C-alpha atoms as a PDB file:
ATOM      1  CA  MET A   1     124.143  88.712  86.682  1.00  0.00           C
ATOM      2  CA  LYS A   2     120.349  88.950  86.511  1.00  0.00           C
ATOM      3  CA  MET A   3     120.472  88.810  82.690  1.00  0.00           C
ATOM      4  CA  LYS A   4     122.622  85.646  82.854  1.00  0.00           C
ATOM      5  CA  LEU A   5     120.067  83.955  85.129  1.00  0.00           C
ATOM      6  CA  VAL A   6     117.208  84.876  82.774  1.00  0.00           C
ATOM      7  CA  LEU A   7     119.203  83.570  79.801  1.00  0.00           C
ATOM      8  CA  LEU A   8     120.007  80.348  81.685  1.00  0.00           C
ATOM      9  CA  ALA A   9     116.309  79.871  82.524  1.00  0.00           C
ATOM     10  CA  ILE A  10     115.353  80.379  78.866  1.00  0.00           C
ATOM     11  CA  ILE A  11     118.005  77.911  77.667  1.00  0.00           C
ATOM     12  CA  THR A  12     116.850  75.358  80.259  1.00  0.00           C
ATOM     13  CA  CYS A  13     113.237  75.653  79.065  1.00  0.00           C
ATOM     14  CA  VAL A  14     114.263  75.299  75.407  1.00  0.00           C
ATOM     15  CA  VAL A  15     116.410  72.227  76.130  1.00  0.00           C
ATOM     16  CA  ALA A  16     113.613  70.625  78.190  1.00  0.00           C
ATOM     17  CA  SER A  17     111.090  71.264  75.413  1.00  0.00           C
ATOM     18  CA  LEU A  18     113.511  69.980  72.804  1.00  0.00           C
ATOM     19  CA  SER A  19     114.177  66.769  74.769  1.00  0.00           C
ATOM     20  CA  ASP A  20     110.415  66.066  74.991  1.00  0.00           C
ATOM     21  CA  TYR A  21     110.099  66.673  71.246  1.00  0.00           C
ATOM     22  CA  LEU A  22     113.087  64.437  70.447  1.00  0.00           C
ATOM     23  CA  VAL A  23     111.776  61.610  72.640  1.00  0.00           C
ATOM     24  CA  SER A  24     108.343  61.886  71.040  1.00  0.00           C
ATOM     25  CA  ALA A  25     109.725  62.009  67.503  1.00  0.00           C
ATOM     26  CA  SER A  26     112.174  59.145  68.039  1.00  0.00           C
ATOM     27  CA  SER A  27     109.494  56.956  69.671  1.00  0.00           C
ATOM     28  CA  LYS A  28     107.094  57.568  66.787  1.00  0.00           C
ATOM     29  CA  LEU A  29     109.842  56.884  64.241  1.00  0.00           C
ATOM     30  CA  THR A  30     110.785  53.645  66.018  1.00  0.00           C
ATOM     31  CA  LEU A  31     107.173  52.448  65.971  1.00  0.00           C
ATOM     32  CA  SER A  32     106.807  53.390  62.313  1.00  0.00           C
ATOM     33  CA  ILE A  33     109.986  51.555  61.288  1.00  0.00           C
ATOM     34  CA  MET A  34     108.865  48.484  63.246  1.00  0.00           C
ATOM     35  CA  GLY A  35     105.389  48.625  61.723  1.00  0.00           C
ATOM     36  CA  LYS A  36     103.873  48.598  65.230  1.00  0.00           C
ATOM     37  CA  SER A  37     102.302  52.041  65.549  1.00  0.00           C
ATOM     38  CA  ASN A  38      98.815  50.817  66.544  1.00  0.00           C
ATOM     39  CA  CYS A  39      97.905  49.804  70.073  1.00  0.00           C
ATOM     40  CA  SER A  40      96.529  46.499  68.793  1.00  0.00           C
ATOM     41  CA  ASP A  41     100.025  45.661  67.529  1.00  0.00           C
ATOM     42  CA  TRP A  42     101.193  45.654  71.159  1.00  0.00           C
ATOM     43  CA  MET A  43      98.430  43.578  72.787  1.00  0.00           C
ATOM     44  CA  SER A  44     100.521  40.407  72.800  1.00  0.00           C
ATOM     45  CA  VAL A  45     103.422  42.290  74.401  1.00  0.00           C
ATOM     46  CA  LEU A  46     101.156  43.835  77.044  1.00  0.00           C
ATOM     47  CA  ARG A  47      99.683  40.425  77.899  1.00  0.00           C
ATOM     48  CA  LEU A  48     103.009  38.595  77.840  1.00  0.00           C
ATOM     49  CA  VAL A  49     104.416  39.737  81.157  1.00  0.00           C
ATOM     50  CA  TYR A  50     102.725  39.099  84.482  1.00  0.00           C
ATOM     51  CA  ILE A  51     103.410  41.899  86.922  1.00  0.00           C
ATOM     52  CA  THR A  52     103.727  40.696  90.511  1.00  0.00           C
ATOM     53  CA  GLU A  53     104.718  41.642  94.012  1.00  0.00           C
ATOM     54  CA  LEU A  54     104.802  45.402  93.578  1.00  0.00           C
ATOM     55  CA  PRO A  55     104.895  47.633  96.627  1.00  0.00           C
ATOM     56  CA  PRO A  56     101.810  49.848  96.914  1.00  0.00           C
ATOM     57  CA  CYS A  57     102.375  53.531  96.195  1.00  0.00           C
ATOM     58  CA  PRO A  58     102.564  56.016  99.043  1.00  0.00           C
ATOM     59  CA  CYS A  59      99.557  58.357  98.995  1.00  0.00           C
ATOM     60  CA  THR A  60     101.579  61.562  99.176  1.00  0.00           C
ATOM     61  CA  TYR A  61     104.899  62.960  98.018  1.00  0.00           C
ATOM     62  CA  SER A  62     106.050  63.396 101.628  1.00  0.00           C
ATOM     63  CA  GLN A  63     105.410  59.696 102.331  1.00  0.00           C
ATOM     64  CA  ALA A  64     107.260  58.668  99.150  1.00  0.00           C
ATOM     65  CA  ILE A  65     110.308  60.835  99.849  1.00  0.00           C
ATOM     66  CA  ASN A  66     110.570  59.285 103.326  1.00  0.00           C
ATOM     67  CA  ASP A  67     110.172  55.648 102.239  1.00  0.00           C
ATOM     68  CA  ASP A  68     113.498  53.994 101.344  1.00  0.00           C
ATOM     69  CA  LYS A  69     111.798  51.579  98.919  1.00  0.00           C
ATOM     70  CA  PHE A  70     111.021  54.485  96.572  1.00  0.00           C
ATOM     71  CA  ILE A  71     113.557  56.434  94.510  1.00  0.00           C
ATOM     72  CA  LEU A  72     112.839  59.845  92.984  1.00  0.00           C
ATOM     73  CA  SER A  73     112.718  59.399  89.200  1.00  0.00           C
ATOM     74  CA  ASN A  74     111.685  62.504  87.264  1.00  0.00           C
ATOM     75  CA  PHE A  75     113.325  61.628  83.935  1.00  0.00           C
ATOM     76  CA  LEU A  76     111.037  62.968  81.157  1.00  0.00           C
ATOM     77  CA  ILE A  77     107.948  63.129  83.398  1.00  0.00           C
ATOM     78  CA  ASP A  78     106.654  66.137  81.432  1.00  0.00           C
ATOM     79  CA  TYR A  79     106.431  63.845  78.408  1.00  0.00           C
ATOM     80  CA  TYR A  80     105.163  60.612  79.971  1.00  0.00           C
ATOM     81  CA  HIS A  81     103.250  62.018  82.959  1.00  0.00           C
ATOM     82  CA  ASN A  82     102.298  65.556  81.977  1.00  0.00           C
ATOM     83  CA  GLY A  83     101.058  67.418  85.045  1.00  0.00           C
ATOM     84  CA  ALA A  84     103.080  65.393  87.524  1.00  0.00           C
ATOM     85  CA  ALA A  85     105.411  67.349  89.779  1.00  0.00           C
ATOM     86  CA  ASN A  86     107.373  64.251  90.851  1.00  0.00           C
ATOM     87  CA  CYS A  87     107.498  60.517  90.197  1.00  0.00           C
ATOM     88  CA  PHE A  88     109.097  57.728  92.206  1.00  0.00           C
ATOM     89  CA  ARG A  89     110.026  54.150  91.309  1.00  0.00           C
ATOM     90  CA  ALA A  90     110.327  50.992  93.370  1.00  0.00           C
ATOM     91  CA  PRO A  91     111.364  47.529  92.181  1.00  0.00           C
ATOM     92  CA  SER A  92     109.346  44.403  92.876  1.00  0.00           C
ATOM     93  CA  GLN A  93     109.581  43.064  96.407  1.00  0.00           C
ATOM     94  CA  THR A  94     110.751  39.628  95.264  1.00  0.00           C
ATOM     95  CA  SER A  95     113.979  38.660  93.575  1.00  0.00           C
ATOM     96  CA  LEU A  96     112.061  36.511  91.081  1.00  0.00           C
ATOM     97  CA  SER A  97     110.271  39.458  89.470  1.00  0.00           C
ATOM     98  CA  GLU A  98     111.826  42.263  87.450  1.00  0.00           C
ATOM     99  CA  SER A  99     108.657  44.375  87.601  1.00  0.00           C
ATOM    100  CA  GLY A 100     108.561  47.839  89.079  1.00  0.00           C
ATOM    101  CA  GLN A 101     106.095  50.320  90.511  1.00  0.00           C
ATOM    102  CA  GLN A 102     105.941  53.945  89.397  1.00  0.00           C
ATOM    103  CA  CYS A 103     104.061  56.469  91.530  1.00  0.00           C
ATOM    104  CA  CYS A 104     103.487  60.079  90.420  1.00  0.00           C
ATOM    105  CA  TYR A 105     102.355  63.095  92.439  1.00  0.00           C
ATOM    106  CA  GLY A 106     100.810  66.444  91.555  1.00  0.00           C
ATOM    107  CA  ASP A 107     101.832  69.911  92.703  1.00  0.00           C
ATOM    108  CA  ASP A 108      99.642  69.434  95.781  1.00  0.00           C
ATOM    109  CA  GLY A 109     101.686  66.346  96.772  1.00  0.00           C
ATOM    110  CA  ASN A 110      98.811  63.887  96.268  1.00  0.00           C
ATOM    111  CA  ILE A 111      99.069  60.735  94.173  1.00  0.00           C
ATOM    112  CA  LEU A 112      97.955  60.869  90.535  1.00  0.00           C
ATOM    113  CA  ILE A 113      95.917  57.861  89.392  1.00  0.00           C
ATOM    114  CA  GLY A 114      94.927  56.630  85.931  1.00  0.00           C
ATOM    115  CA  ILE A 115      94.793  58.233  82.530  1.00  0.00           C
ATOM    116  CA  GLU A 116      92.777  61.270  83.615  1.00  0.00           C
ATOM    117  CA  GLN A 117      95.631  62.350  85.852  1.00  0.00           C
ATOM    118  CA  ASN A 118      98.557  60.798  83.894  1.00  0.00           C
ATOM    119  CA  GLY A 119      99.307  58.654  86.910  1.00  0.00           C
ATOM    120  CA  GLY A 120     102.276  56.362  87.336  1.00  0.00           C
ATOM    121  CA  THR A 121     102.025  52.777  86.163  1.00  0.00           C
ATOM    122  CA  ALA A 122     103.078  49.285  87.075  1.00  0.00           C
ATOM    123  CA  ASP A 123     106.014  48.358  84.855  1.00  0.00           C
ATOM    124  CA  ALA A 124     106.674  44.910  83.476  1.00  0.00           C
ATOM    125  CA  TYR A 125     110.360  45.747  83.822  1.00  0.00           C
ATOM    126  CA  SER A 126     111.748  48.267  86.272  1.00  0.00           C
ATOM    127  CA  PRO A 127     114.143  50.450  84.240  1.00  0.00           C
ATOM    128  CA  ASP A 128     117.161  49.897  86.456  1.00  0.00           C
ATOM    129  CA  GLY A 129     120.260  48.449  84.857  1.00  0.00           C
ATOM    130  CA  VAL A 130     121.133  48.090  81.178  1.00  0.00           C
ATOM    131  CA  LYS A 131     119.306  44.784  80.651  1.00  0.00           C
ATOM    132  CA  ASN A 132     116.078  45.945  82.249  1.00  0.00           C
ATOM    133  CA  PHE A 133     116.176  49.386  80.637  1.00  0.00           C
ATOM    134  CA  GLY A 134     115.894  47.836  77.159  1.00  0.00           C
ATOM    135  CA  ARG A 135     113.109  45.547  78.325  1.00  0.00           C
ATOM    136  CA  HIS A 136     111.349  48.505  79.970  1.00  0.00           C
ATOM    137  CA  ILE A 137     111.392  50.367  76.638  1.00  0.00           C
ATOM    138  CA  TRP A 138     110.010  47.329  74.744  1.00  0.00           C
ATOM    139  CA  TYR A 139     107.384  46.097  77.233  1.00  0.00           C
ATOM    140  CA  ASP A 140     106.299  49.373  78.868  1.00  0.00           C
ATOM    141  CA  VAL A 141     107.319  52.539  76.979  1.00  0.00           C
ATOM    142  CA  LEU A 142     106.674  51.700  73.308  1.00  0.00           C
ATOM    143  CA  PRO A 143     103.235  50.211  74.091  1.00  0.00           C
ATOM    144  CA  TRP A 144     102.402  53.439  75.986  1.00  0.00           C
ATOM    145  CA  VAL A 145     103.424  55.544  72.979  1.00  0.00           C
ATOM    146  CA  ALA A 146     101.295  53.408  70.619  1.00  0.00           C
ATOM    147  CA  CYS A 147      98.271  53.177  72.940  1.00  0.00           C
ATOM    148  CA  CYS A 148      98.269  56.554  74.705  1.00  0.00           C
ATOM    149  CA  GLU A 149     100.249  59.113  72.721  1.00  0.00           C
ATOM    150  CA  LEU A 150      99.323  57.889  69.242  1.00  0.00           C
ATOM    151  CA  GLY A 151      96.063  56.225  70.262  1.00  0.00           C
ATOM    152  CA  ASN A 152      92.885  57.554  71.803  1.00  0.00           C
ATOM    153  CA  ARG A 153      91.220  57.400  75.208  1.00  0.00           C
ATOM    154  CA  GLU A 154      89.904  53.874  74.581  1.00  0.00           C
ATOM    155  CA  THR A 155      93.297  52.455  73.616  1.00  0.00           C
ATOM    156  CA  CYS A 156      94.990  54.285  76.495  1.00  0.00           C
ATOM    157  CA  GLU A 157      92.463  52.718  78.885  1.00  0.00           C
ATOM    158  CA  ILE A 158      93.494  49.321  77.510  1.00  0.00           C
ATOM    159  CA  TYR A 159      97.124  50.156  78.262  1.00  0.00           C
ATOM    160  CA  TYR A 160      96.215  51.149  81.839  1.00  0.00           C
ATOM    161  CA  GLN A 161      94.346  47.843  82.275  1.00  0.00           C
ATOM    162  CA  PHE A 162      97.645  46.024  81.728  1.00  0.00           C
ATOM    163  CA  ARG A 163      99.868  48.647  83.383  1.00  0.00           C
ATOM    164  CA  PRO A 164      97.574  50.093  86.084  1.00  0.00           C
ATOM    165  CA  SER A 165      98.195  52.972  88.445  1.00  0.00           C
ATOM    166  CA  ASP A 166      98.275  52.006  92.095  1.00  0.00           C
ATOM    167  CA  ASP A 167      95.684  53.843  94.199  1.00  0.00           C
ATOM    168  CA  CYS A 168      97.768  53.744  97.432  1.00  0.00           C
ATOM    169  CA  LEU A 169      94.920  52.195  99.453  1.00  0.00           C
ATOM    170  CA  GLU A 170      97.147  49.358 100.670  1.00  0.00           C
ATOM    171  CA  TYR A 171     100.158  51.524 101.464  1.00  0.00           C
ATOM    172  CA  ARG A 172     101.667  51.140 104.914  1.00  0.00           C
ATOM    173  CA  GLY A 173     104.623  53.376 105.657  1.00  0.00           C
ATOM    174  CA  PRO A 174     107.955  52.090 106.890  1.00  0.00           C
ATOM    175  CA  VAL A 175     108.215  51.005 110.507  1.00  0.00           C
ATOM    176  CA  TYR A 176     111.288  52.297 112.257  1.00  0.00           C
ATOM    177  CA  THR A 177     112.671  50.689 115.400  1.00  0.00           C
ATOM    178  CA  ASN A 178     115.153  52.118 117.869  1.00  0.00           C
END
């Protein structure tokens, strides 16, 4: 039984590493085929969408897990937000916007902010639903790959100017009434 658990843990680690590699390789291949592998190729896309009415991030994991506006979303966080223990997403607070907020937290439960910490970002399109998922890839993910993964610190800072991390300073937790 113990040997089976060890084998299962090893297989899980290999699959997780392989999925990160496949995502990285497929993103790079997509950018290469499109001829848009430089961050500068994505500036018009980054500027095109105005991100509005996003809820501020909770400051801690425990606040996020207890706020109904935020949904746990750890899909590929080791690739996109290396060092994050958990990430949450929340859609815009208005029906007119399709933007979304992503908030990531470290092992200590505190919010991660900016490129130094691989913090969450404001998304032009929240990746919920088929229509928005494709837009999220085009307007948020591929520019990140070009500017941050394939770029350098300067180009990644440009990306974070257009898709900033929220610092949680304006967060007010939910108010419950009896």
